[in-house]
């Protein structure tokens, strides 16, 4: 985990400790909270056109920013609870996806790897 994420994880741990919330932060509960927050993020894009979703007005952009923060915070807490380095996990996943989606077959295609 890089220093920025480690520092954020430490701040989250301290925030929860000060409020005695660790008792609620099981991996199951954190994963559920993450899914809920991702749904709240998605809600801001529901019914928007592709173009509208790319050009959010300031108030909508601020609301989306707050939901993105919630998703990131729960993701970091979940990674911390499971002792998973999210940066290392993401880098490993990128390598895996590069094998599943070779440039020569995947470029410009939205097909799933098993349909390429």
C-alpha atoms as a PDB file:
ATOM      1  CA  UNK A   1       0.000   0.000   0.000  1.00  0.00           C
ATOM      2  CA  UNK A   2       1.463   3.387  -0.883  1.00  0.00           C
ATOM      3  CA  UNK A   3       1.940   6.106   1.719  1.00  0.00           C
ATOM      4  CA  UNK A   4      -1.200   8.039   0.732  1.00  0.00           C
ATOM      5  CA  UNK A   5      -3.466   5.011   1.058  1.00  0.00           C
ATOM      6  CA  UNK A   6      -1.697   3.853   4.211  1.00  0.00           C
ATOM      7  CA  UNK A   7      -2.219   7.294   5.745  1.00  0.00           C
ATOM      8  CA  UNK A   8      -5.871   7.310   4.742  1.00  0.00           C
ATOM      9  CA  UNK A   9      -6.325   3.812   6.195  1.00  0.00           C
ATOM     10  CA  UNK A  10      -4.749   5.029   9.442  1.00  0.00           C
ATOM     11  CA  UNK A  11      -7.095   8.039   9.545  1.00  0.00           C
ATOM     12  CA  UNK A  12     -10.081   5.741   8.977  1.00  0.00           C
ATOM     13  CA  UNK A  13      -8.938   3.391  11.745  1.00  0.00           C
ATOM     14  CA  UNK A  14      -8.524   6.302  14.132  1.00  0.00           C
ATOM     15  CA  UNK A  15     -11.917   7.738  13.157  1.00  0.00           C
ATOM     16  CA  UNK A  16     -13.591   4.380  13.871  1.00  0.00           C
ATOM     17  CA  UNK A  17     -11.680   3.830  17.127  1.00  0.00           C
ATOM     18  CA  UNK A  18     -12.695   7.235  18.471  1.00  0.00           C
ATOM     19  CA  UNK A  19     -16.331   6.300  17.894  1.00  0.00           C
ATOM     20  CA  UNK A  20     -15.994   2.635  18.953  1.00  0.00           C
ATOM     21  CA  UNK A  21     -17.179   1.522  15.515  1.00  0.00           C
ATOM     22  CA  UNK A  22     -14.648  -1.269  14.912  1.00  0.00           C
ATOM     23  CA  UNK A  23     -17.186  -3.694  16.336  1.00  0.00           C
ATOM     24  CA  UNK A  24     -19.354  -3.041  13.262  1.00  0.00           C
ATOM     25  CA  UNK A  25     -16.544  -3.171  10.692  1.00  0.00           C
ATOM     26  CA  UNK A  26     -16.455  -6.856   9.843  1.00  0.00           C
ATOM     27  CA  UNK A  27     -15.466  -7.656   6.258  1.00  0.00           C
ATOM     28  CA  UNK A  28     -19.083  -8.683   5.562  1.00  0.00           C
ATOM     29  CA  UNK A  29     -20.464  -5.379   6.839  1.00  0.00           C
ATOM     30  CA  UNK A  30     -17.839  -3.332   5.046  1.00  0.00           C
ATOM     31  CA  UNK A  31     -18.503  -5.167   1.762  1.00  0.00           C
ATOM     32  CA  UNK A  32     -22.239  -4.537   2.167  1.00  0.00           C
ATOM     33  CA  UNK A  33     -21.637  -0.841   2.920  1.00  0.00           C
ATOM     34  CA  UNK A  34     -19.376  -0.617  -0.130  1.00  0.00           C
ATOM     35  CA  UNK A  35     -22.117  -2.072  -2.345  1.00  0.00           C
ATOM     36  CA  UNK A  36     -24.677   0.357  -0.916  1.00  0.00           C
ATOM     37  CA  UNK A  37     -22.403   3.337  -1.558  1.00  0.00           C
ATOM     38  CA  UNK A  38     -21.660   2.127  -5.095  1.00  0.00           C
ATOM     39  CA  UNK A  39     -25.423   2.009  -5.649  1.00  0.00           C
ATOM     40  CA  UNK A  40     -25.753   5.563  -4.371  1.00  0.00           C
ATOM     41  CA  UNK A  41     -23.030   6.609  -6.802  1.00  0.00           C
ATOM     42  CA  UNK A  42     -24.836   4.894  -9.667  1.00  0.00           C
ATOM     43  CA  UNK A  43     -28.079   6.616  -8.737  1.00  0.00           C
ATOM     44  CA  UNK A  44     -26.602   9.960  -9.820  1.00  0.00           C
ATOM     45  CA  UNK A  45     -26.164   8.612 -13.346  1.00  0.00           C
ATOM     46  CA  UNK A  46     -29.516   6.881 -13.629  1.00  0.00           C
ATOM     47  CA  UNK A  47     -31.518   8.267 -16.546  1.00  0.00           C
ATOM     48  CA  UNK A  48     -28.676  10.470 -17.834  1.00  0.00           C
ATOM     49  CA  UNK A  49     -27.624  10.213 -21.433  1.00  0.00           C
ATOM     50  CA  UNK A  50     -24.028   9.274 -22.253  1.00  0.00           C
ATOM     51  CA  UNK A  51     -23.316  12.934 -22.988  1.00  0.00           C
ATOM     52  CA  UNK A  52     -24.912  14.178 -19.770  1.00  0.00           C
ATOM     53  CA  UNK A  53     -22.920  11.667 -17.743  1.00  0.00           C
ATOM     54  CA  UNK A  54     -19.699  13.121 -19.182  1.00  0.00           C
ATOM     55  CA  UNK A  55     -20.637  16.747 -18.489  1.00  0.00           C
ATOM     56  CA  UNK A  56     -22.048  16.922 -14.972  1.00  0.00           C
ATOM     57  CA  UNK A  57     -23.206  20.272 -13.672  1.00  0.00           C
ATOM     58  CA  UNK A  58     -21.289  21.583 -10.649  1.00  0.00           C
ATOM     59  CA  UNK A  59     -23.817  20.522  -7.981  1.00  0.00           C
ATOM     60  CA  UNK A  60     -24.156  17.022  -9.450  1.00  0.00           C
ATOM     61  CA  UNK A  61     -20.368  16.731  -9.755  1.00  0.00           C
ATOM     62  CA  UNK A  62     -19.990  17.619  -6.055  1.00  0.00           C
ATOM     63  CA  UNK A  63     -22.577  14.996  -5.080  1.00  0.00           C
ATOM     64  CA  UNK A  64     -20.812  12.390  -7.239  1.00  0.00           C
ATOM     65  CA  UNK A  65     -17.511  13.373  -5.633  1.00  0.00           C
ATOM     66  CA  UNK A  66     -18.955  12.716  -2.160  1.00  0.00           C
ATOM     67  CA  UNK A  67     -20.249   9.285  -3.227  1.00  0.00           C
ATOM     68  CA  UNK A  68     -16.893   8.429  -4.830  1.00  0.00           C
ATOM     69  CA  UNK A  69     -15.258   9.298  -1.518  1.00  0.00           C
ATOM     70  CA  UNK A  70     -17.657   7.000   0.347  1.00  0.00           C
ATOM     71  CA  UNK A  71     -16.866   4.135  -2.042  1.00  0.00           C
ATOM     72  CA  UNK A  72     -13.121   4.714  -1.703  1.00  0.00           C
ATOM     73  CA  UNK A  73     -13.267   4.929   2.085  1.00  0.00           C
ATOM     74  CA  UNK A  74     -15.218   1.691   2.453  1.00  0.00           C
ATOM     75  CA  UNK A  75     -12.928  -0.029  -0.050  1.00  0.00           C
ATOM     76  CA  UNK A  76      -9.864   1.022   1.940  1.00  0.00           C
ATOM     77  CA  UNK A  77     -11.476  -0.112   5.191  1.00  0.00           C
ATOM     78  CA  UNK A  78     -12.356  -3.486   3.674  1.00  0.00           C
ATOM     79  CA  UNK A  79      -8.832  -3.946   2.323  1.00  0.00           C
ATOM     80  CA  UNK A  80      -7.428  -3.038   5.728  1.00  0.00           C
ATOM     81  CA  UNK A  81      -9.771  -5.445   7.535  1.00  0.00           C
ATOM     82  CA  UNK A  82      -8.629  -8.268   5.244  1.00  0.00           C
ATOM     83  CA  UNK A  83      -4.969  -7.208   5.195  1.00  0.00           C
ATOM     84  CA  UNK A  84      -5.025  -6.822   1.413  1.00  0.00           C
ATOM     85  CA  UNK A  85      -2.887  -4.218  -0.311  1.00  0.00           C
ATOM     86  CA  UNK A  86      -5.353  -2.711  -2.820  1.00  0.00           C
ATOM     87  CA  UNK A  87      -2.568  -1.265  -4.993  1.00  0.00           C
ATOM     88  CA  UNK A  88      -0.804  -4.635  -5.274  1.00  0.00           C
ATOM     89  CA  UNK A  89      -4.154  -6.343  -5.914  1.00  0.00           C
ATOM     90  CA  UNK A  90      -5.017  -3.835  -8.659  1.00  0.00           C
ATOM     91  CA  UNK A  91      -1.615  -4.219 -10.294  1.00  0.00           C
ATOM     92  CA  UNK A  92      -1.968  -8.011 -10.279  1.00  0.00           C
ATOM     93  CA  UNK A  93      -5.451  -7.700 -11.762  1.00  0.00           C
ATOM     94  CA  UNK A  94      -4.194  -5.416 -14.539  1.00  0.00           C
ATOM     95  CA  UNK A  95      -1.576  -8.026 -15.490  1.00  0.00           C
ATOM     96  CA  UNK A  96      -4.244 -10.733 -15.447  1.00  0.00           C
ATOM     97  CA  UNK A  97      -6.595  -8.635 -17.599  1.00  0.00           C
ATOM     98  CA  UNK A  98      -3.805  -7.918 -20.096  1.00  0.00           C
ATOM     99  CA  UNK A  99      -3.583 -11.668 -20.684  1.00  0.00           C
ATOM    100  CA  UNK A 100      -7.372 -12.051 -20.971  1.00  0.00           C
ATOM    101  CA  UNK A 101      -7.710  -9.067 -23.306  1.00  0.00           C
ATOM    102  CA  UNK A 102      -4.766  -9.045 -25.743  1.00  0.00           C
ATOM    103  CA  UNK A 103      -4.494  -5.762 -27.610  1.00  0.00           C
ATOM    104  CA  UNK A 104      -4.718  -7.339 -31.059  1.00  0.00           C
ATOM    105  CA  UNK A 105      -8.101  -8.918 -30.275  1.00  0.00           C
ATOM    106  CA  UNK A 106      -9.613  -6.523 -27.732  1.00  0.00           C
ATOM    107  CA  UNK A 107      -8.780  -3.126 -29.225  1.00  0.00           C
ATOM    108  CA  UNK A 108     -11.988  -1.194 -29.891  1.00  0.00           C
ATOM    109  CA  UNK A 109     -14.206  -4.072 -28.767  1.00  0.00           C
ATOM    110  CA  UNK A 110     -16.543  -4.232 -25.780  1.00  0.00           C
ATOM    111  CA  UNK A 111     -16.822  -8.011 -25.994  1.00  0.00           C
ATOM    112  CA  UNK A 112     -16.029 -10.137 -22.982  1.00  0.00           C
ATOM    113  CA  UNK A 113     -12.736 -12.029 -23.102  1.00  0.00           C
ATOM    114  CA  UNK A 114     -14.403 -15.345 -23.927  1.00  0.00           C
ATOM    115  CA  UNK A 115     -16.115 -13.790 -26.965  1.00  0.00           C
ATOM    116  CA  UNK A 116     -13.014 -12.251 -28.545  1.00  0.00           C
END
